[in-house]
Amino acid sequence: MAERNFDEDRGLESSTVGVFRSAKVVKGGKNFSFEALVAAGDRNGNLGLGYAKAKEVPAAVEKATKDARKRMVQISLNGGTIPHEVLGRFGASRIKLVPARPGTGVKAGRFVRPLLELVGIRDVLTKAYGSTNKKNLCRATLAALESLRTKEVIEQNRGVTIG
């Protein structure tokens, strides 16, 4: 279900992670609305996750894409992988990201993979624990990626050199 769009002006790509339908029951029947979860990234360390609702699917995807671009964050990477092992949590979902050797590829589920690819990670291992709800798993992945720190950043913050 991962649909990809490319934004020419900033070199951003977006991927639709999921589309959800919700219904409100009223006197005349059911009123349906759609929600979209979209990831946007430049494959160079920037990633955003957007979520939006609308009466139609294309409108929801467009609003979510705009939201993802607005919520872009910088992620610390180590070449084509992550600098260290990390655990991300959101709600009842937990995800473990483990750095991998070059050539391993992105070993991840279908909801986590677009986020990792759009941020520019080429080699990583993942394991999901607890709930595998799309929204919570994506948010847990984003939380894990945001908590990554490179060796240089840690040395600078602590004022010491790590051997």
N, C-alpha and C. Protein backbone atom coordinates (compact mmCIF):
# COMPACT_ATOMS: atom_id res chain seq x y z
N MET A 1 0.82 -1.19 0.00
CA MET A 1 0.00 0.00 0.00
C MET A 1 0.86 1.26 0.00
N ALA A 2 2.19 1.09 0.00
CA ALA A 2 3.09 2.23 0.06
C ALA A 2 3.14 2.93 -1.30
N GLU A 3 2.51 4.07 -1.37
CA GLU A 3 2.48 4.86 -2.59
C GLU A 3 3.51 5.97 -2.45
N ARG A 4 4.35 6.16 -3.47
CA ARG A 4 5.44 7.12 -3.36
C ARG A 4 5.21 8.32 -4.28
N ASN A 5 5.48 9.50 -3.74
CA ASN A 5 5.42 10.75 -4.50
C ASN A 5 6.76 11.44 -4.35
N PHE A 6 7.15 12.24 -5.36
CA PHE A 6 8.43 12.93 -5.30
C PHE A 6 8.20 14.42 -5.44
N ASP A 7 8.77 15.21 -4.53
CA ASP A 7 8.63 16.66 -4.54
C ASP A 7 9.89 17.26 -5.18
N GLU A 8 9.74 17.86 -6.34
CA GLU A 8 10.87 18.35 -7.12
C GLU A 8 11.66 19.45 -6.41
N ASP A 9 10.98 20.41 -5.79
CA ASP A 9 11.68 21.59 -5.28
C ASP A 9 12.63 21.31 -4.12
N ARG A 10 12.32 20.39 -3.21
CA ARG A 10 13.18 20.15 -2.06
C ARG A 10 13.81 18.76 -2.07
N GLY A 11 13.56 17.96 -3.08
CA GLY A 11 14.12 16.62 -3.14
C GLY A 11 13.49 15.68 -2.12
N LEU A 12 12.24 15.94 -1.75
CA LEU A 12 11.55 15.12 -0.76
C LEU A 12 10.70 14.06 -1.44
N GLU A 13 10.69 12.89 -0.83
CA GLU A 13 9.81 11.82 -1.27
C GLU A 13 8.81 11.56 -0.16
N SER A 14 7.62 11.11 -0.54
CA SER A 14 6.63 10.76 0.48
C SER A 14 6.08 9.37 0.17
N SER A 15 5.71 8.67 1.23
CA SER A 15 5.18 7.33 1.10
C SER A 15 3.95 7.19 1.98
N THR A 16 2.84 6.74 1.41
CA THR A 16 1.63 6.54 2.19
C THR A 16 1.74 5.22 2.93
N VAL A 17 1.82 5.30 4.25
CA VAL A 17 1.98 4.10 5.08
C VAL A 17 0.64 3.39 5.24
N GLY A 18 -0.43 4.16 5.45
CA GLY A 18 -1.74 3.54 5.63
C GLY A 18 -2.88 4.51 5.44
N VAL A 19 -4.02 4.00 5.01
CA VAL A 19 -5.26 4.77 4.90
C VAL A 19 -6.30 4.05 5.73
N PHE A 20 -6.98 4.77 6.59
CA PHE A 20 -7.95 4.19 7.50
C PHE A 20 -9.32 4.81 7.28
N ARG A 21 -10.37 3.99 7.45
CA ARG A 21 -11.73 4.50 7.30
C ARG A 21 -12.43 4.46 8.64
N SER A 22 -13.11 5.55 8.97
CA SER A 22 -13.90 5.57 10.21
C SER A 22 -15.31 6.01 9.85
N ALA A 23 -16.26 5.60 10.65
CA ALA A 23 -17.66 5.91 10.36
C ALA A 23 -18.34 6.50 11.59
N LYS A 24 -19.17 7.50 11.35
CA LYS A 24 -20.00 8.07 12.39
C LYS A 24 -21.44 7.68 12.06
N VAL A 25 -22.11 7.01 12.97
CA VAL A 25 -23.48 6.58 12.73
C VAL A 25 -24.43 7.73 13.08
N VAL A 26 -25.24 8.12 12.11
CA VAL A 26 -26.21 9.20 12.30
C VAL A 26 -27.60 8.67 11.92
N LYS A 27 -28.58 9.51 12.10
CA LYS A 27 -29.97 9.15 11.84
C LYS A 27 -30.17 8.58 10.43
N GLY A 28 -29.50 9.18 9.43
CA GLY A 28 -29.69 8.76 8.04
C GLY A 28 -28.77 7.63 7.60
N GLY A 29 -27.95 7.11 8.48
CA GLY A 29 -27.01 6.04 8.09
C GLY A 29 -25.64 6.29 8.67
N LYS A 30 -24.60 6.01 7.86
CA LYS A 30 -23.23 6.18 8.33
C LYS A 30 -22.52 7.26 7.52
N ASN A 31 -21.80 8.13 8.22
CA ASN A 31 -20.95 9.13 7.56
C ASN A 31 -19.51 8.63 7.63
N PHE A 32 -18.92 8.34 6.48
CA PHE A 32 -17.55 7.85 6.45
C PHE A 32 -16.56 8.98 6.30
N SER A 33 -15.43 8.85 6.97
CA SER A 33 -14.32 9.77 6.75
C SER A 33 -13.05 8.93 6.68
N PHE A 34 -12.00 9.49 6.09
CA PHE A 34 -10.76 8.75 5.87
C PHE A 34 -9.61 9.44 6.56
N GLU A 35 -8.68 8.63 7.05
CA GLU A 35 -7.48 9.13 7.72
C GLU A 35 -6.29 8.56 6.96
N ALA A 36 -5.24 9.34 6.84
CA ALA A 36 -4.03 8.89 6.14
C ALA A 36 -2.80 9.09 7.01
N LEU A 37 -1.89 8.13 6.94
CA LEU A 37 -0.61 8.20 7.62
C LEU A 37 0.47 8.21 6.54
N VAL A 38 1.25 9.30 6.49
CA VAL A 38 2.23 9.49 5.42
C VAL A 38 3.60 9.80 6.01
N ALA A 39 4.64 9.18 5.45
CA ALA A 39 6.02 9.48 5.83
C ALA A 39 6.66 10.26 4.68
N ALA A 40 7.46 11.28 5.02
CA ALA A 40 8.17 12.07 4.02
C ALA A 40 9.63 12.18 4.43
N GLY A 41 10.52 12.04 3.46
CA GLY A 41 11.95 12.13 3.77
C GLY A 41 12.76 12.46 2.53
N ASP A 42 14.03 12.83 2.76
CA ASP A 42 14.90 13.19 1.65
C ASP A 42 16.00 12.15 1.41
N ARG A 43 15.94 11.00 2.11
CA ARG A 43 16.95 9.94 2.02
C ARG A 43 18.33 10.44 2.41
N ASN A 44 18.37 11.51 3.22
CA ASN A 44 19.64 12.10 3.62
C ASN A 44 19.61 12.54 5.08
N GLY A 45 18.84 11.82 5.92
CA GLY A 45 18.82 12.14 7.34
C GLY A 45 17.63 12.96 7.82
N ASN A 46 16.71 13.34 6.93
CA ASN A 46 15.52 14.10 7.35
C ASN A 46 14.28 13.23 7.17
N LEU A 47 13.40 13.26 8.18
CA LEU A 47 12.19 12.44 8.14
C LEU A 47 11.05 13.14 8.85
N GLY A 48 9.85 13.00 8.30
CA GLY A 48 8.65 13.54 8.93
C GLY A 48 7.53 12.53 8.82
N LEU A 49 6.66 12.50 9.82
CA LEU A 49 5.51 11.60 9.82
C LEU A 49 4.26 12.44 9.98
N GLY A 50 3.33 12.33 9.04
CA GLY A 50 2.12 13.14 9.06
C GLY A 50 0.87 12.30 9.13
N TYR A 51 -0.14 12.86 9.78
CA TYR A 51 -1.42 12.17 9.95
C TYR A 51 -2.53 13.20 9.76
N ALA A 52 -3.53 12.87 8.93
CA ALA A 52 -4.61 13.82 8.68
C ALA A 52 -5.90 13.09 8.33
N LYS A 53 -7.02 13.79 8.50
CA LYS A 53 -8.34 13.24 8.20
C LYS A 53 -9.05 14.12 7.18
N ALA A 54 -9.87 13.48 6.35
CA ALA A 54 -10.68 14.21 5.38
C ALA A 54 -11.84 13.33 4.94
N LYS A 55 -12.79 13.92 4.19
CA LYS A 55 -13.95 13.17 3.70
C LYS A 55 -13.59 12.21 2.56
N GLU A 56 -12.50 12.52 1.82
CA GLU A 56 -12.06 11.68 0.70
C GLU A 56 -10.61 11.27 0.90
N VAL A 57 -10.22 10.13 0.32
CA VAL A 57 -8.87 9.59 0.49
C VAL A 57 -7.79 10.52 -0.07
N PRO A 58 -7.90 11.01 -1.32
CA PRO A 58 -6.84 11.88 -1.85
C PRO A 58 -6.61 13.13 -1.01
N ALA A 59 -7.69 13.71 -0.51
CA ALA A 59 -7.57 14.91 0.33
C ALA A 59 -6.86 14.58 1.64
N ALA A 60 -7.17 13.44 2.22
CA ALA A 60 -6.53 13.02 3.47
C ALA A 60 -5.03 12.78 3.25
N VAL A 61 -4.68 12.13 2.13
CA VAL A 61 -3.27 11.86 1.82
C VAL A 61 -2.51 13.17 1.60
N GLU A 62 -3.14 14.11 0.89
CA GLU A 62 -2.51 15.40 0.62
C GLU A 62 -2.27 16.18 1.92
N LYS A 63 -3.27 16.20 2.80
CA LYS A 63 -3.13 16.89 4.08
C LYS A 63 -2.07 16.23 4.95
N ALA A 64 -2.02 14.90 4.95
CA ALA A 64 -1.03 14.17 5.75
C ALA A 64 0.39 14.42 5.21
N THR A 65 0.52 14.51 3.89
CA THR A 65 1.83 14.79 3.28
C THR A 65 2.31 16.18 3.69
N LYS A 66 1.41 17.14 3.67
CA LYS A 66 1.75 18.50 4.09
C LYS A 66 2.15 18.51 5.57
N ASP A 67 1.45 17.73 6.39
CA ASP A 67 1.75 17.63 7.81
C ASP A 67 3.12 16.98 8.04
N ALA A 68 3.44 15.96 7.24
CA ALA A 68 4.73 15.27 7.35
C ALA A 68 5.88 16.22 7.01
N ARG A 69 5.70 17.03 5.99
CA ARG A 69 6.76 17.98 5.59
C ARG A 69 6.95 19.06 6.64
N LYS A 70 5.86 19.40 7.33
CA LYS A 70 5.93 20.42 8.37
C LYS A 70 6.64 19.89 9.62
N ARG A 71 6.53 18.59 9.87
CA ARG A 71 7.09 17.98 11.08
C ARG A 71 8.43 17.29 10.85
N MET A 72 9.21 17.75 9.88
CA MET A 72 10.50 17.13 9.56
C MET A 72 11.48 17.26 10.73
N VAL A 73 12.22 16.17 10.98
CA VAL A 73 13.26 16.19 12.01
C VAL A 73 14.55 15.63 11.40
N GLN A 74 15.69 16.06 11.96
CA GLN A 74 17.00 15.59 11.51
C GLN A 74 17.36 14.35 12.31
N ILE A 75 17.79 13.30 11.62
CA ILE A 75 18.17 12.03 12.25
C ILE A 75 19.67 11.82 12.10
N SER A 76 20.35 11.41 13.18
CA SER A 76 21.79 11.13 13.14
C SER A 76 22.02 9.74 12.55
N LEU A 77 22.75 9.69 11.45
CA LEU A 77 23.05 8.42 10.79
C LEU A 77 24.55 8.17 10.78
N ASN A 78 24.93 6.92 10.57
CA ASN A 78 26.33 6.52 10.47
C ASN A 78 26.50 5.84 9.11
N GLY A 79 26.70 6.64 8.07
CA GLY A 79 26.75 6.10 6.70
C GLY A 79 25.37 5.62 6.29
N GLY A 80 25.27 4.34 5.91
CA GLY A 80 23.99 3.79 5.48
C GLY A 80 23.25 3.05 6.57
N THR A 81 23.75 3.14 7.82
CA THR A 81 23.10 2.47 8.93
C THR A 81 22.94 3.43 10.11
N ILE A 82 22.56 2.89 11.26
CA ILE A 82 22.38 3.72 12.46
C ILE A 82 23.62 3.58 13.35
N PRO A 83 23.92 4.60 14.18
CA PRO A 83 25.15 4.57 14.98
C PRO A 83 25.15 3.53 16.10
N HIS A 84 23.99 3.20 16.66
CA HIS A 84 23.94 2.25 17.77
C HIS A 84 22.55 1.62 17.86
N GLU A 85 22.45 0.55 18.65
CA GLU A 85 21.18 -0.13 18.87
C GLU A 85 20.27 0.78 19.69
N VAL A 86 18.98 0.79 19.38
CA VAL A 86 18.04 1.68 20.08
C VAL A 86 16.66 1.03 20.17
N LEU A 87 15.94 1.36 21.24
CA LEU A 87 14.58 0.87 21.44
C LEU A 87 13.64 2.07 21.44
N GLY A 88 12.62 2.05 20.58
CA GLY A 88 11.64 3.13 20.53
C GLY A 88 10.31 2.64 21.08
N ARG A 89 9.63 3.53 21.81
CA ARG A 89 8.35 3.16 22.40
C ARG A 89 7.30 4.22 22.05
N PHE A 90 6.09 3.74 21.77
CA PHE A 90 4.93 4.62 21.65
C PHE A 90 3.70 3.78 21.91
N GLY A 91 2.91 4.18 22.89
CA GLY A 91 1.72 3.41 23.24
C GLY A 91 2.13 2.02 23.67
N ALA A 92 1.48 1.00 23.15
CA ALA A 92 1.80 -0.39 23.48
C ALA A 92 2.80 -1.00 22.50
N SER A 93 3.31 -0.17 21.57
CA SER A 93 4.26 -0.66 20.57
C SER A 93 5.69 -0.33 20.98
N ARG A 94 6.56 -1.30 20.76
CA ARG A 94 7.99 -1.09 20.98
C ARG A 94 8.71 -1.63 19.75
N ILE A 95 9.78 -0.96 19.34
CA ILE A 95 10.56 -1.44 18.21
C ILE A 95 12.04 -1.29 18.52
N LYS A 96 12.77 -2.34 18.19
CA LYS A 96 14.22 -2.36 18.39
C LYS A 96 14.88 -2.22 17.03
N LEU A 97 15.81 -1.26 16.91
CA LEU A 97 16.57 -1.05 15.70
C LEU A 97 18.02 -1.41 15.99
N VAL A 98 18.60 -2.26 15.16
CA VAL A 98 19.97 -2.74 15.36
C VAL A 98 20.79 -2.42 14.11
N PRO A 99 21.97 -1.80 14.28
CA PRO A 99 22.81 -1.51 13.10
C PRO A 99 23.25 -2.80 12.42
N ALA A 100 23.40 -2.75 11.10
CA ALA A 100 23.78 -3.95 10.34
C ALA A 100 24.96 -3.62 9.42
N ARG A 101 25.65 -4.66 8.99
CA ARG A 101 26.80 -4.49 8.10
C ARG A 101 26.33 -4.11 6.70
N PRO A 102 27.19 -3.42 5.94
CA PRO A 102 26.81 -3.05 4.57
C PRO A 102 26.44 -4.29 3.75
N GLY A 103 25.36 -4.17 2.97
CA GLY A 103 24.89 -5.27 2.15
C GLY A 103 23.76 -6.07 2.78
N THR A 104 23.46 -5.80 4.05
CA THR A 104 22.39 -6.53 4.75
C THR A 104 21.02 -6.13 4.22
N GLY A 105 20.82 -4.84 3.98
CA GLY A 105 19.53 -4.34 3.53
C GLY A 105 18.67 -3.93 4.71
N VAL A 106 17.47 -3.48 4.42
CA VAL A 106 16.52 -3.06 5.46
C VAL A 106 15.63 -4.25 5.79
N LYS A 107 15.88 -4.87 6.93
CA LYS A 107 15.07 -6.01 7.38
C LYS A 107 14.01 -5.46 8.33
N ALA A 108 12.85 -5.13 7.76
CA ALA A 108 11.80 -4.50 8.56
C ALA A 108 10.43 -4.86 8.00
N GLY A 109 9.41 -4.70 8.82
CA GLY A 109 8.04 -4.96 8.41
C GLY A 109 7.54 -3.90 7.44
N ARG A 110 6.37 -4.13 6.88
CA ARG A 110 5.89 -3.26 5.81
C ARG A 110 5.48 -1.86 6.25
N PHE A 111 5.30 -1.62 7.55
CA PHE A 111 4.93 -0.28 8.01
C PHE A 111 6.15 0.50 8.47
N VAL A 112 7.20 -0.20 8.86
CA VAL A 112 8.42 0.43 9.35
C VAL A 112 9.39 0.72 8.20
N ARG A 113 9.41 -0.15 7.20
CA ARG A 113 10.34 -0.04 6.08
C ARG A 113 10.31 1.32 5.38
N PRO A 114 9.13 1.88 5.03
CA PRO A 114 9.14 3.18 4.33
C PRO A 114 9.83 4.28 5.13
N LEU A 115 9.65 4.30 6.45
CA LEU A 115 10.29 5.32 7.28
C LEU A 115 11.80 5.19 7.22
N LEU A 116 12.30 3.97 7.37
CA LEU A 116 13.74 3.75 7.37
C LEU A 116 14.36 4.06 6.01
N GLU A 117 13.66 3.70 4.93
CA GLU A 117 14.19 3.97 3.59
C GLU A 117 14.16 5.47 3.28
N LEU A 118 13.10 6.16 3.69
CA LEU A 118 12.99 7.59 3.40
C LEU A 118 13.98 8.44 4.18
N VAL A 119 14.46 7.94 5.32
CA VAL A 119 15.45 8.70 6.08
C VAL A 119 16.86 8.47 5.53
N GLY A 120 17.04 7.41 4.74
CA GLY A 120 18.32 7.16 4.10
C GLY A 120 19.08 5.97 4.67
N ILE A 121 18.42 5.15 5.46
CA ILE A 121 19.07 3.96 6.03
C ILE A 121 19.00 2.83 5.00
N ARG A 122 20.16 2.21 4.74
CA ARG A 122 20.22 1.11 3.77
C ARG A 122 20.43 -0.25 4.43
N ASP A 123 21.01 -0.26 5.65
CA ASP A 123 21.30 -1.52 6.33
C ASP A 123 20.88 -1.43 7.79
N VAL A 124 19.84 -2.19 8.17
CA VAL A 124 19.37 -2.18 9.56
C VAL A 124 18.53 -3.43 9.81
N LEU A 125 18.54 -3.90 11.05
CA LEU A 125 17.69 -5.00 11.48
C LEU A 125 16.66 -4.44 12.45
N THR A 126 15.42 -4.93 12.39
CA THR A 126 14.38 -4.42 13.30
C THR A 126 13.62 -5.58 13.92
N LYS A 127 13.04 -5.31 15.08
CA LYS A 127 12.16 -6.28 15.72
C LYS A 127 11.08 -5.50 16.45
N ALA A 128 9.82 -5.83 16.17
CA ALA A 128 8.69 -5.16 16.82
C ALA A 128 8.17 -6.01 17.97
N TYR A 129 7.89 -5.36 19.09
CA TYR A 129 7.34 -6.02 20.26
C TYR A 129 6.02 -5.36 20.63
N GLY A 130 5.13 -6.11 21.26
CA GLY A 130 3.86 -5.55 21.71
C GLY A 130 2.91 -5.36 20.55
N SER A 131 2.18 -4.26 20.56
CA SER A 131 1.18 -3.97 19.54
C SER A 131 1.85 -3.69 18.20
N THR A 132 1.26 -4.22 17.12
CA THR A 132 1.77 -3.94 15.77
C THR A 132 0.82 -3.00 15.02
N ASN A 133 0.11 -2.17 15.76
CA ASN A 133 -0.75 -1.15 15.19
C ASN A 133 0.09 -0.21 14.32
N LYS A 134 -0.36 0.05 13.08
CA LYS A 134 0.42 0.85 12.12
C LYS A 134 0.84 2.20 12.69
N LYS A 135 -0.12 2.93 13.24
CA LYS A 135 0.16 4.28 13.72
C LYS A 135 1.18 4.26 14.85
N ASN A 136 0.96 3.39 15.84
CA ASN A 136 1.86 3.34 16.99
C ASN A 136 3.24 2.81 16.61
N LEU A 137 3.31 1.86 15.70
CA LEU A 137 4.60 1.32 15.27
C LEU A 137 5.42 2.37 14.53
N CYS A 138 4.76 3.16 13.70
CA CYS A 138 5.46 4.24 12.98
C CYS A 138 5.94 5.30 13.95
N ARG A 139 5.11 5.66 14.91
CA ARG A 139 5.52 6.66 15.91
C ARG A 139 6.64 6.14 16.79
N ALA A 140 6.62 4.85 17.13
CA ALA A 140 7.70 4.24 17.92
C ALA A 140 9.01 4.25 17.12
N THR A 141 8.93 3.99 15.82
CA THR A 141 10.11 4.03 14.95
C THR A 141 10.68 5.43 14.90
N LEU A 142 9.81 6.44 14.77
CA LEU A 142 10.26 7.83 14.75
C LEU A 142 10.91 8.21 16.08
N ALA A 143 10.32 7.75 17.19
CA ALA A 143 10.90 8.02 18.52
C ALA A 143 12.28 7.39 18.64
N ALA A 144 12.44 6.18 18.13
CA ALA A 144 13.73 5.49 18.17
C ALA A 144 14.76 6.24 17.34
N LEU A 145 14.38 6.66 16.14
CA LEU A 145 15.30 7.37 15.26
C LEU A 145 15.70 8.72 15.85
N GLU A 146 14.75 9.41 16.51
CA GLU A 146 15.06 10.71 17.12
C GLU A 146 16.03 10.59 18.28
N SER A 147 16.05 9.43 18.95
CA SER A 147 16.92 9.26 20.11
C SER A 147 18.34 8.82 19.74
N LEU A 148 18.62 8.64 18.44
CA LEU A 148 19.96 8.26 18.00
C LEU A 148 20.95 9.41 18.17
N ARG A 149 22.16 9.09 18.62
CA ARG A 149 23.22 10.08 18.76
C ARG A 149 24.52 9.49 18.21
N THR A 150 25.29 10.29 17.48
CA THR A 150 26.58 9.83 16.98
C THR A 150 27.63 9.98 18.07
N LYS A 151 28.73 9.32 17.88
CA LYS A 151 29.84 9.37 18.85
C LYS A 151 30.31 10.81 19.06
N GLU A 152 30.40 11.58 17.98
CA GLU A 152 30.88 12.97 18.06
C GLU A 152 29.95 13.83 18.90
N VAL A 153 28.64 13.65 18.74
CA VAL A 153 27.66 14.44 19.50
C VAL A 153 27.76 14.11 20.98
N ILE A 154 27.91 12.83 21.31
CA ILE A 154 28.03 12.42 22.72
C ILE A 154 29.31 12.99 23.32
N GLU A 155 30.42 12.94 22.59
CA GLU A 155 31.68 13.51 23.08
C GLU A 155 31.55 15.00 23.34
N GLN A 156 30.88 15.70 22.43
CA GLN A 156 30.69 17.15 22.57
C GLN A 156 29.81 17.49 23.78
N ASN A 157 28.72 16.74 23.96
CA ASN A 157 27.81 17.00 25.08
C ASN A 157 28.44 16.72 26.43
N ARG A 158 29.23 15.65 26.52
CA ARG A 158 29.84 15.26 27.78
C ARG A 158 31.17 15.92 28.05
N GLY A 159 31.79 16.47 26.99
CA GLY A 159 33.09 17.11 27.15
C GLY A 159 34.23 16.13 27.36
N VAL A 160 34.09 14.90 26.87
CA VAL A 160 35.13 13.89 26.99
C VAL A 160 35.36 13.22 25.64
N THR A 161 36.44 12.47 25.53
CA THR A 161 36.68 11.71 24.31
C THR A 161 36.43 10.24 24.60
N ILE A 162 35.73 9.61 23.67
CA ILE A 162 35.40 8.19 23.82
C ILE A 162 36.38 7.41 22.96
N GLY A 163 37.02 6.42 23.57
CA GLY A 163 38.07 5.64 22.89
C GLY A 163 37.53 4.67 21.97
